[in-house]
Protein backbone atom coordinates (compact mmCIF):
# COMPACT_ATOMS: atom_id res chain seq x y z
CA MET A 1 -17.20 6.69 -14.96
CA ARG A 2 -13.66 5.57 -16.19
CA ARG A 3 -14.44 1.65 -17.31
CA ALA A 4 -11.68 -0.78 -18.44
CA ALA A 5 -11.47 -4.20 -18.95
CA CYS A 6 -8.45 -6.97 -18.26
CA PRO A 7 -9.54 -9.95 -20.70
CA GLY A 8 -8.18 -12.86 -20.70
CA SER A 9 -8.74 -16.33 -20.02
CA PHE A 10 -7.27 -16.90 -16.84
CA ASP A 11 -6.89 -20.85 -16.80
CA PRO A 12 -5.80 -20.87 -13.56
CA ILE A 13 -5.64 -16.66 -12.68
CA THR A 14 -1.71 -16.13 -11.76
CA ASN A 15 -0.33 -13.67 -9.67
CA GLY A 16 1.08 -11.72 -12.73
CA HIS A 17 -2.59 -11.50 -13.62
CA LEU A 18 -3.55 -10.52 -10.07
CA ASP A 19 -0.35 -7.46 -10.48
CA ILE A 20 -2.07 -6.17 -13.57
CA ILE A 21 -5.30 -6.14 -12.41
CA VAL A 22 -4.91 -4.39 -8.67
CA ARG A 23 -2.49 -1.70 -10.94
CA ALA A 24 -5.27 -1.60 -13.49
CA SER A 25 -8.11 -1.13 -9.96
CA ARG A 26 -5.90 1.85 -9.32
CA LEU A 27 -5.65 3.61 -12.48
CA PHE A 28 -9.46 3.65 -13.72
CA ASP A 29 -13.48 3.69 -11.64
CA GLU A 30 -14.11 0.26 -12.73
CA VAL A 31 -11.82 -2.11 -14.22
CA VAL A 32 -14.32 -5.81 -15.73
CA VAL A 33 -11.88 -8.75 -15.50
CA ALA A 34 -13.51 -10.69 -18.75
CA VAL A 35 -13.28 -14.14 -18.79
CA LEU A 36 -13.40 -14.84 -21.83
CA ILE A 37 -14.76 -18.50 -23.66
CA ASN A 38 -12.66 -20.28 -26.35
CA LYS A 39 -15.38 -22.89 -26.65
CA ASN A 40 -12.65 -24.63 -29.12
CA LYS A 41 -9.64 -24.71 -25.90
CA ALA A 42 -9.45 -27.36 -22.90
CA ASN A 43 -9.83 -25.96 -19.98
CA LEU A 44 -8.75 -27.60 -16.76
CA PHE A 45 -11.25 -25.12 -15.00
CA THR A 46 -14.83 -24.35 -15.91
CA VAL A 47 -16.10 -20.92 -16.65
CA GLU A 48 -18.02 -20.42 -13.54
CA GLU A 49 -14.62 -21.32 -11.42
CA ARG A 50 -12.14 -19.12 -13.06
CA ILE A 51 -15.42 -16.18 -12.61
CA GLU A 52 -15.63 -18.01 -8.71
CA LEU A 53 -11.47 -18.14 -8.10
CA ILE A 54 -10.95 -13.95 -9.74
CA ARG A 55 -13.77 -12.97 -7.55
CA GLU A 56 -12.14 -14.49 -4.13
CA VAL A 57 -8.81 -13.41 -5.08
CA THR A 58 -9.62 -9.59 -5.36
CA ARG A 59 -12.58 -9.20 -2.92
CA ASP A 60 -10.02 -6.91 -1.27
CA HIS A 61 -10.71 -4.14 -4.31
CA SER A 62 -13.83 -3.30 -4.30
CA ASN A 63 -13.78 -1.12 -7.35
CA VAL A 64 -13.35 -5.06 -9.72
CA VAL A 65 -15.99 -6.64 -10.83
CA VAL A 66 -16.20 -10.69 -12.70
CA GLU A 67 -18.19 -10.84 -15.69
CA SER A 68 -17.51 -14.21 -18.92
CA SER A 69 -17.14 -13.02 -22.10
CA HIS A 70 -17.64 -15.03 -25.88
CA GLY A 71 -17.61 -13.47 -28.51
CA LEU A 72 -15.25 -9.78 -29.79
CA LEU A 73 -13.63 -8.45 -26.89
CA VAL A 74 -14.85 -4.34 -28.32
CA ASP A 75 -18.30 -5.93 -28.49
CA PHE A 76 -18.60 -6.75 -24.94
CA CYS A 77 -16.89 -2.88 -24.31
CA ARG A 78 -19.27 -1.57 -26.41
CA ALA A 79 -22.60 -3.24 -24.85
CA ARG A 80 -21.14 -2.16 -20.59
CA GLY A 81 -19.61 0.88 -22.13
CA ILE A 82 -15.91 0.57 -21.55
CA GLN A 83 -13.31 2.93 -22.96
CA ALA A 84 -10.56 0.69 -22.45
CA ILE A 85 -8.48 -2.22 -22.61
CA VAL A 86 -5.84 -3.12 -20.77
CA LYS A 87 -3.33 -5.57 -21.74
CA GLY A 88 -0.39 -6.95 -19.33
CA LEU A 89 2.98 -7.91 -21.76
CA ARG A 90 6.01 -9.88 -20.83
CA ALA A 91 8.48 -9.65 -23.85
CA VAL A 92 8.46 -8.25 -26.96
CA SER A 93 6.49 -11.88 -28.54
CA ASP A 94 3.08 -10.46 -27.04
CA PHE A 95 4.06 -6.89 -28.24
CA ASP A 96 3.67 -8.19 -31.61
CA TYR A 97 0.77 -9.93 -31.21
CA GLU A 98 -1.68 -7.63 -28.48
CA LEU A 99 -0.66 -4.16 -31.06
CA GLN A 100 -2.28 -6.40 -34.01
CA MET A 101 -4.98 -7.68 -31.52
CA ALA A 102 -4.63 -3.81 -30.41
CA GLN A 103 -4.93 -1.24 -33.91
CA MET A 104 -8.57 -4.39 -34.70
CA ASN A 105 -10.43 -3.35 -31.95
CA HIS A 106 -9.32 0.74 -32.28
CA SER A 107 -10.82 0.30 -36.02
CA LEU A 108 -13.58 -2.25 -35.14
CA ALA A 109 -15.27 0.21 -31.94
CA GLY A 110 -13.09 2.82 -30.93
CA VAL A 111 -12.15 0.93 -28.11
CA GLU A 112 -7.92 1.97 -26.76
CA THR A 113 -6.59 -0.35 -25.78
CA LEU A 114 -3.20 0.07 -23.11
CA PHE A 115 0.03 -1.43 -22.27
CA MET A 116 1.54 -2.16 -19.12
CA SER A 117 4.88 -3.49 -18.65
CA THR A 118 4.80 -6.98 -15.91
CA ASN A 119 5.97 -6.65 -13.25
CA PRO A 120 10.05 -8.17 -13.36
CA GLN A 121 8.82 -10.76 -10.68
CA TYR A 122 6.13 -12.69 -13.69
CA ALA A 123 7.57 -11.24 -16.44
CA PHE A 124 8.24 -15.56 -17.32
CA LEU A 125 4.48 -16.39 -16.09
CA SER A 126 1.93 -17.98 -17.78
CA SER A 127 -0.72 -20.11 -16.80
CA SER A 128 0.17 -22.51 -19.21
CA LEU A 129 3.47 -22.96 -17.72
CA VAL A 130 1.75 -22.71 -14.30
CA LYS A 131 -0.25 -25.73 -15.56
CA GLU A 132 2.40 -28.00 -17.07
CA VAL A 133 4.95 -27.56 -14.23
CA ALA A 134 1.63 -28.10 -11.03
CA THR A 135 1.07 -31.35 -13.38
CA TYR A 136 4.63 -32.36 -12.63
CA GLY A 137 4.66 -32.32 -9.50
CA GLY A 138 6.56 -29.03 -9.38
CA ASP A 139 5.91 -26.31 -7.09
CA VAL A 140 4.25 -23.18 -7.33
CA SER A 141 3.29 -21.70 -5.18
CA GLY A 142 4.18 -18.27 -4.71
CA LEU A 143 3.23 -18.25 -8.62
CA VAL A 144 -0.32 -18.28 -7.86
CA PRO A 145 -3.02 -16.68 -4.71
CA ASP A 146 -2.75 -19.48 -1.76
CA VAL A 147 -6.82 -20.08 -2.86
CA VAL A 148 -6.22 -20.88 -6.74
CA LEU A 149 -3.29 -23.04 -6.10
CA LYS A 150 -5.51 -25.52 -3.26
CA GLN A 151 -7.42 -25.61 -6.40
CA LEU A 152 -4.94 -25.90 -9.00
CA ARG A 153 -3.32 -29.12 -7.06
CA GLU A 154 -7.42 -30.73 -5.39
CA ARG A 155 -8.28 -30.66 -9.60
CA LEU A 156 -4.88 -32.89 -10.61
CA ALA A 157 -4.63 -35.00 -7.78
CA ARG A 158 -7.99 -36.37 -9.44
């Protein structure tokens, strides 16, 4: 079975993330969305909420599973027999960092990293930007799945 991981914090998942996950699901038998836990990062949504939102927006893709991950991503991959990591690249600045990470992951565990160019309509998109715009009342519909938009609005209204 060809398995790949799509890692990220997904706080929240955006249409750009979803595009990469769905495209990867067409190339691999199974795609494991690894929701990364970083205790040093202040998140808007809990890990459980992020997992549930991702499960909801990927429910039509039977070969996509969602799990949380802490520690090294290569340990997560090794423990699950995952051969590849799929990452979306928006710009050259993404590539600089991701290439170093890919080389480290290969050095540590022989896990390959595949880079997918982001759909141009999402090239500017990040979870941080979505949260910032939504915090100030900006319209982020079309940038996140509808169920995420609803949860985002509810969370920020508190």
